[in-house]
Amino acid sequence: MKKERNSNGMNRRHFLQASAGFAASTMFLNFGSMQSFAAPATSTPEISIPLVTLNNGLQMPRLGLGTMTLTGDVGVRCVADAISLGYRLIDTAMIYESEPAVGAGIKQSGIKREELFITSKLWKADMGYEQAKKGFQTSINKLGTDYLDLYLIHRPSGGDWKGSWKAMEELYHQGKIKAIGMSNATFAQLDDLIAHSDVKPAVHQIETHAFFQEDQQLDYLKQHGIQMEAWAPFAEGRHGLFTNPTLATIGKKYNKTVAQVCLRWHFQRGIIAIPRSSQKAHIAENMNIFDFSLEDSDMAAISTLDLNTTQFPEWS
């Protein structure tokens, strides 16, 4: 769980490296020059990321940095780089082991804590009322902060997750957490919280991407005023996402990369995305999605890519 999930498809970095040596290959003859796939220069001017207002009035950036596997010095550098480029939402979790690096990166950035939106998550080992409070305290100690903007139950698949939610509600009322939510919950669990909890979930973070579009989930969450957030918005390159002909053709149309097309697709669906990258050029590239819009025909084309099944069966 702590290691990076293995990809059964080519990831973006490997794709760019492999492509560099054969610009005249069939792919580029069909889908445009290598420029349409290359990452932009890291001197991209700071971009202001739009905000969404959650169901409790809190504003949350609509694009952020995921930090799974970004530990140690690499994690510190990536977080500091992201903040310098204009990111304000940083997503971490206890099980990622990246909380210390996130805290150090924030400190290195020099940005005031109140300008940032920090998310962390409670792991299964800390389920239950008392354990959840301890888990929360451990996380903020590692992050070097005294509050979280968003705290999620990471995988409510076992243990006393209702006790954890009760503890999180208390921390929310005490001002130690600004919003609480779920990650990878079932419809039944969400129904239970909506019907019987003092505080309704503000966010539900799940796997969603072009190959697993979760339309039913999106409709449900919109109906109940819960913000949907995507982990693995690129499916970590699985099923050949970065070489997908449909996505590549759309990218060529706007002179954008496949990654940018995917993130813009999430944005236009009203879904927050938290792509992870250890490369500053890719972190900058991921932000450069607010100067174009996908047409209805593009959105329809991407809708045909839905396989309606997880690309991460090892997490099921």
Protein backbone atom coordinates (compact mmCIF):
# COMPACT_ATOMS: atom_id res chain seq x y z
CA MET A 1 0.00 0.00 0.00
CA LYS A 2 2.86 2.37 0.81
CA LYS A 3 4.64 1.78 -2.47
CA GLU A 4 3.69 3.39 -5.73
CA ARG A 5 1.07 1.37 -7.51
CA ASN A 6 2.47 -0.46 -10.50
CA SER A 7 1.21 0.73 -13.86
CA ASN A 8 0.17 -1.68 -16.57
CA GLY A 9 0.51 1.12 -19.13
CA MET A 10 3.16 3.61 -20.18
CA ASN A 11 3.27 6.64 -17.92
CA ARG A 12 3.69 10.17 -19.20
CA ARG A 13 7.37 10.49 -18.38
CA HIS A 14 8.30 7.25 -20.13
CA PHE A 15 6.11 8.17 -23.08
CA LEU A 16 7.86 11.52 -23.55
CA GLN A 17 11.28 9.94 -23.24
CA ALA A 18 10.45 7.14 -25.66
CA SER A 19 8.96 9.57 -28.13
CA ALA A 20 11.98 11.86 -28.22
CA GLY A 21 13.94 9.56 -30.49
CA PHE A 22 11.38 9.00 -33.20
CA ALA A 23 9.46 12.16 -33.93
CA ALA A 24 8.72 10.87 -37.40
CA SER A 25 7.00 7.74 -36.10
CA THR A 26 3.48 6.77 -37.05
CA MET A 27 2.06 8.28 -33.88
CA PHE A 28 3.39 11.71 -34.60
CA LEU A 29 2.43 11.50 -38.23
CA ASN A 30 -1.11 10.83 -37.06
CA PHE A 31 -1.37 13.07 -34.02
CA GLY A 32 0.91 16.01 -34.57
CA SER A 33 4.40 17.10 -33.70
CA MET A 34 6.16 16.22 -30.49
CA GLN A 35 5.47 19.75 -29.29
CA SER A 36 1.89 18.79 -28.58
CA PHE A 37 3.11 16.22 -26.02
CA ALA A 38 6.10 18.01 -24.56
CA ALA A 39 5.98 19.66 -21.14
CA PRO A 40 6.20 23.45 -21.12
CA ALA A 41 9.10 25.38 -19.70
CA THR A 42 9.12 25.64 -15.93
CA SER A 43 9.14 29.45 -16.14
CA THR A 44 5.37 29.44 -16.67
CA PRO A 45 3.89 32.54 -14.96
CA GLU A 46 1.98 31.86 -11.76
CA ILE A 47 -1.60 30.86 -12.55
CA SER A 48 -4.52 31.52 -10.25
CA ILE A 49 -6.47 28.30 -9.74
CA PRO A 50 -10.27 28.72 -9.52
CA LEU A 51 -12.04 27.86 -6.27
CA VAL A 52 -15.20 25.93 -5.48
CA THR A 53 -17.38 26.61 -2.43
CA LEU A 54 -18.05 23.49 -0.38
CA ASN A 55 -21.35 22.77 1.36
CA ASN A 56 -20.15 24.42 4.58
CA GLY A 57 -19.03 27.63 2.84
CA LEU A 58 -15.32 26.77 2.76
CA GLN A 59 -13.56 27.54 -0.53
CA MET A 60 -11.31 24.85 -2.00
CA PRO A 61 -8.98 25.02 -5.03
CA ARG A 62 -10.21 23.01 -8.00
CA LEU A 63 -6.77 21.63 -8.80
CA GLY A 64 -4.05 20.46 -6.46
CA LEU A 65 -0.92 18.38 -6.02
CA GLY A 66 -1.16 14.75 -4.98
CA THR A 67 1.78 13.46 -2.95
CA MET A 68 1.55 9.67 -2.91
CA THR A 69 5.17 8.35 -3.04
CA LEU A 70 6.56 11.91 -2.82
CA THR A 71 8.60 11.40 0.34
CA GLY A 72 11.93 12.70 1.62
CA ASP A 73 13.88 15.34 -0.28
CA VAL A 74 11.96 14.67 -3.51
CA GLY A 75 8.68 15.35 -1.74
CA VAL A 76 9.99 18.54 -0.14
CA ARG A 77 11.17 19.82 -3.52
CA CYS A 78 7.93 18.93 -5.31
CA VAL A 79 5.72 20.63 -2.73
CA ALA A 80 7.88 23.76 -2.70
CA ASP A 81 7.96 23.80 -6.51
CA ALA A 82 4.19 23.39 -6.74
CA ILE A 83 3.55 26.24 -4.33
CA SER A 84 6.00 28.48 -6.19
CA LEU A 85 4.01 27.82 -9.38
CA GLY A 86 0.71 28.77 -7.76
CA TYR A 87 -0.68 25.54 -6.31
CA ARG A 88 -2.45 26.00 -3.00
CA LEU A 89 -4.15 22.61 -2.55
CA ILE A 90 -1.76 19.92 -1.32
CA ASP A 91 -3.15 16.42 -0.75
CA THR A 92 -1.42 13.90 1.52
CA ALA A 93 -2.29 10.98 3.79
CA MET A 94 -0.83 9.07 6.70
CA ILE A 95 -0.37 5.93 4.61
CA TYR A 96 1.56 7.87 1.93
CA GLU A 97 4.30 8.67 4.47
CA SER A 98 4.59 12.04 2.75
CA GLU A 99 3.25 14.26 5.55
CA PRO A 100 6.73 15.24 6.86
CA ALA A 101 7.86 16.15 3.34
CA VAL A 102 4.69 18.18 2.75
CA GLY A 103 5.28 20.09 5.97
CA ALA A 104 8.91 20.75 5.11
CA GLY A 105 8.01 21.80 1.57
CA ILE A 106 5.45 24.27 2.87
CA LYS A 107 8.01 25.71 5.23
CA GLN A 108 10.57 25.99 2.43
CA SER A 109 8.03 27.75 0.19
CA GLY A 110 7.67 30.66 2.58
CA ILE A 111 3.91 30.86 1.94
CA LYS A 112 1.71 31.59 4.93
CA ARG A 113 -0.20 28.58 6.20
CA GLU A 114 -3.56 30.32 5.88
CA GLU A 115 -3.00 30.73 2.12
CA LEU A 116 -2.85 26.96 1.66
CA PHE A 117 -5.44 24.19 1.62
CA ILE A 118 -4.01 21.03 3.17
CA THR A 119 -5.79 17.68 3.02
CA SER A 120 -4.81 14.54 4.90
CA LYS A 121 -6.53 11.23 5.49
CA LEU A 122 -7.20 8.79 8.30
CA TRP A 123 -6.02 5.26 7.55
CA LYS A 124 -7.78 2.01 8.46
CA ALA A 125 -5.35 1.29 11.31
CA ASP A 126 -6.66 4.38 13.12
CA MET A 127 -10.39 3.59 12.87
CA GLY A 128 -12.49 4.28 15.95
CA TYR A 129 -13.26 7.32 18.08
CA GLU A 130 -10.11 7.50 20.21
CA GLN A 131 -7.77 6.21 17.52
CA ALA A 132 -9.04 8.78 15.03
CA LYS A 133 -8.19 11.62 17.37
CA LYS A 134 -4.71 10.19 17.85
CA GLY A 135 -4.32 9.69 14.10
CA PHE A 136 -5.32 13.29 13.44
CA GLN A 137 -2.85 14.60 16.00
CA THR A 138 -0.05 12.49 14.53
CA SER A 139 -0.78 13.88 11.07
CA ILE A 140 -0.78 17.54 12.06
CA ASN A 141 2.39 16.99 14.10
CA LYS A 142 4.13 15.57 11.03
CA LEU A 143 2.81 18.40 8.88
CA GLY A 144 3.86 21.04 11.38
CA THR A 145 0.45 22.69 11.48
CA ASP A 146 -2.25 23.04 14.10
CA TYR A 147 -5.22 22.46 11.80
CA LEU A 148 -6.25 20.80 8.53
CA ASP A 149 -8.42 22.30 5.84
CA LEU A 150 -9.83 18.88 4.93
CA TYR A 151 -9.62 15.51 6.66
CA LEU A 152 -10.95 12.36 5.00
CA ILE A 153 -11.59 8.80 6.12
CA HIS A 154 -9.30 7.14 3.61
CA ARG A 155 -10.86 3.69 3.24
CA PRO A 156 -13.90 3.00 5.44
CA SER A 157 -13.79 -0.71 4.57
CA GLY A 158 -13.31 -2.06 8.06
CA GLY A 159 -13.32 -1.12 11.72
CA ASP A 160 -15.36 1.50 13.51
CA TRP A 161 -15.47 4.14 10.81
CA LYS A 162 -18.59 5.67 12.38
CA GLY A 163 -16.62 6.25 15.57
CA SER A 164 -13.92 7.90 13.46
CA TRP A 165 -16.52 10.17 11.90
CA LYS A 166 -17.81 11.16 15.35
CA ALA A 167 -14.29 12.14 16.39
CA MET A 168 -13.82 14.11 13.18
CA GLU A 169 -17.10 15.95 13.76
CA GLU A 170 -15.84 17.02 17.18
CA LEU A 171 -12.52 18.18 15.74
CA TYR A 172 -14.47 20.08 13.09
CA HIS A 173 -16.58 21.87 15.70
CA GLN A 174 -13.41 22.71 17.62
CA GLY A 175 -11.97 24.40 14.52
CA LYS A 176 -9.11 21.93 14.13
CA ILE A 177 -10.50 20.73 10.80
CA LYS A 178 -12.27 23.12 8.42
CA ALA A 179 -14.08 20.40 6.45
CA ILE A 180 -14.46 16.63 6.72
CA GLY A 181 -15.23 14.02 4.12
CA MET A 182 -14.81 10.51 2.81
CA SER A 183 -12.60 8.68 0.33
CA ASN A 184 -13.58 5.45 -1.42
CA ALA A 185 -16.88 5.14 0.46
CA THR A 186 -19.90 3.18 -0.76
CA PHE A 187 -23.28 4.70 -1.55
CA ALA A 188 -24.65 2.99 1.57
CA GLN A 189 -22.00 4.61 3.77
CA LEU A 190 -22.65 8.03 2.28
CA ASP A 191 -26.42 7.55 2.70
CA ASP A 192 -25.83 6.68 6.35
CA LEU A 193 -23.74 9.78 6.99
CA ILE A 194 -26.16 12.08 5.19
CA ALA A 195 -29.12 10.72 7.15
CA HIS A 196 -27.65 10.34 10.61
CA SER A 197 -24.58 12.56 11.06
CA ASP A 198 -24.30 16.00 12.58
CA VAL A 199 -21.93 17.11 9.81
CA LYS A 200 -22.53 16.08 6.20
CA PRO A 201 -19.44 15.10 4.17
CA ALA A 202 -18.09 18.06 2.22
CA VAL A 203 -15.93 16.04 -0.19
CA HIS A 204 -15.79 12.48 -1.52
CA GLN A 205 -12.44 11.54 -3.06
CA ILE A 206 -12.53 8.53 -5.40
CA GLU A 207 -10.87 6.97 -8.41
CA THR A 208 -12.17 8.65 -11.52
CA HIS A 209 -10.60 9.27 -14.92
CA ALA A 210 -11.38 8.83 -18.60
CA PHE A 211 -11.57 5.05 -18.26
CA PHE A 212 -13.69 5.06 -15.08
CA GLN A 213 -15.95 8.08 -15.32
CA GLU A 214 -18.33 7.37 -12.43
CA ASP A 215 -21.28 9.29 -13.87
CA GLN A 216 -23.70 7.80 -11.34
CA GLN A 217 -21.42 8.79 -8.48
CA LEU A 218 -21.08 12.32 -9.85
CA ASP A 219 -24.85 12.72 -10.16
CA TYR A 220 -25.37 11.39 -6.64
CA LEU A 221 -22.81 13.72 -5.10
CA LYS A 222 -24.18 16.75 -6.95
CA GLN A 223 -27.67 15.87 -5.75
CA HIS A 224 -26.46 15.83 -2.14
CA GLY A 225 -24.17 18.86 -2.36
CA ILE A 226 -20.96 16.87 -1.88
CA GLN A 227 -17.89 17.82 -3.90
CA MET A 228 -16.35 15.03 -5.99
CA GLU A 229 -12.55 14.81 -6.06
CA ALA A 230 -10.46 12.54 -8.30
CA TRP A 231 -7.45 10.57 -7.23
CA ALA A 232 -5.38 9.15 -10.10
CA PRO A 233 -6.96 11.50 -12.67
CA PHE A 234 -4.57 10.05 -15.28
CA ALA A 235 -5.23 6.44 -14.18
CA GLU A 236 -1.45 6.49 -13.57
CA GLY A 237 -1.03 5.87 -17.28
CA ARG A 238 -2.84 2.53 -17.17
CA HIS A 239 -4.66 1.18 -20.22
CA GLY A 240 -2.40 3.36 -22.38
CA LEU A 241 -3.99 6.63 -21.32
CA PHE A 242 -1.10 8.84 -22.45
CA THR A 243 -1.09 7.29 -25.93
CA ASN A 244 -4.85 7.06 -26.34
CA PRO A 245 -5.74 8.19 -29.91
CA THR A 246 -8.95 9.98 -28.90
CA LEU A 247 -7.24 12.01 -26.18
CA ALA A 248 -4.22 12.69 -28.41
CA THR A 249 -6.40 13.97 -31.23
CA ILE A 250 -8.23 16.32 -28.89
CA GLY A 251 -4.88 17.49 -27.52
CA LYS A 252 -3.63 18.29 -31.01
CA LYS A 253 -6.78 20.33 -31.66
CA TYR A 254 -5.92 22.71 -28.79
CA ASN A 255 -2.13 22.28 -28.83
CA LYS A 256 -2.39 20.66 -25.41
CA THR A 257 -0.99 17.47 -23.93
CA VAL A 258 -3.10 14.43 -23.11
CA ALA A 259 -2.59 15.22 -19.44
CA GLN A 260 -3.96 18.72 -19.91
CA VAL A 261 -6.96 17.40 -21.84
CA CYS A 262 -7.73 14.98 -19.01
CA LEU A 263 -7.48 17.65 -16.34
CA ARG A 264 -9.61 20.06 -18.34
CA TRP A 265 -12.20 17.27 -18.73
CA HIS A 266 -12.30 16.85 -14.96
CA PHE A 267 -12.55 20.60 -14.48
CA GLN A 268 -15.49 20.95 -16.86
CA ARG A 269 -17.30 18.11 -15.10
CA GLY A 270 -16.96 20.00 -11.81
CA ILE A 271 -14.48 17.52 -10.31
CA ILE A 272 -11.40 18.53 -8.32
CA ALA A 273 -8.25 16.72 -9.46
CA ILE A 274 -5.00 16.13 -7.58
CA PRO A 275 -2.44 14.78 -10.09
CA ARG A 276 0.89 13.68 -8.67
CA SER A 277 4.23 14.32 -10.36
CA SER A 278 7.85 14.46 -9.27
CA GLN A 279 8.82 16.62 -12.27
CA LYS A 280 8.52 20.40 -12.02
CA ALA A 281 7.82 20.66 -15.75
CA HIS A 282 4.86 18.30 -15.40
CA ILE A 283 3.62 20.07 -12.28
CA ALA A 284 3.63 23.31 -14.30
CA GLU A 285 2.05 21.60 -17.30
CA ASN A 286 -0.81 20.31 -15.15
CA MET A 287 -1.72 23.86 -14.15
CA ASN A 288 -1.91 25.15 -17.71
CA ILE A 289 -5.53 24.14 -18.35
CA PHE A 290 -7.44 27.37 -17.82
CA ASP A 291 -6.82 29.00 -21.19
CA PHE A 292 -8.99 26.67 -23.27
CA SER A 293 -12.30 24.80 -23.10
CA LEU A 294 -13.28 21.43 -24.47
CA GLU A 295 -16.20 21.58 -26.86
CA ASP A 296 -19.30 19.44 -26.38
CA SER A 297 -18.06 17.15 -29.14
CA ASP A 298 -14.79 16.62 -27.25
CA MET A 299 -16.61 15.81 -24.04
CA ALA A 300 -18.81 13.36 -25.96
CA ALA A 301 -15.78 11.70 -27.51
CA ILE A 302 -14.14 11.24 -24.11
CA SER A 303 -17.37 9.80 -22.72
CA THR A 304 -17.00 6.87 -25.14
CA LEU A 305 -13.73 5.86 -23.43
CA ASP A 306 -15.50 4.85 -20.21
CA LEU A 307 -14.80 1.18 -19.36
CA ASN A 308 -16.96 1.53 -16.24
CA THR A 309 -14.51 -0.46 -14.15
CA THR A 310 -11.63 0.31 -11.81
CA GLN A 311 -8.13 0.36 -13.23
CA PHE A 312 -6.78 -0.45 -9.77
CA PRO A 313 -8.21 -3.86 -8.89
CA GLU A 314 -5.51 -4.31 -6.25
CA TRP A 315 -7.28 -1.62 -4.22
CA SER A 316 -10.70 -3.23 -4.44
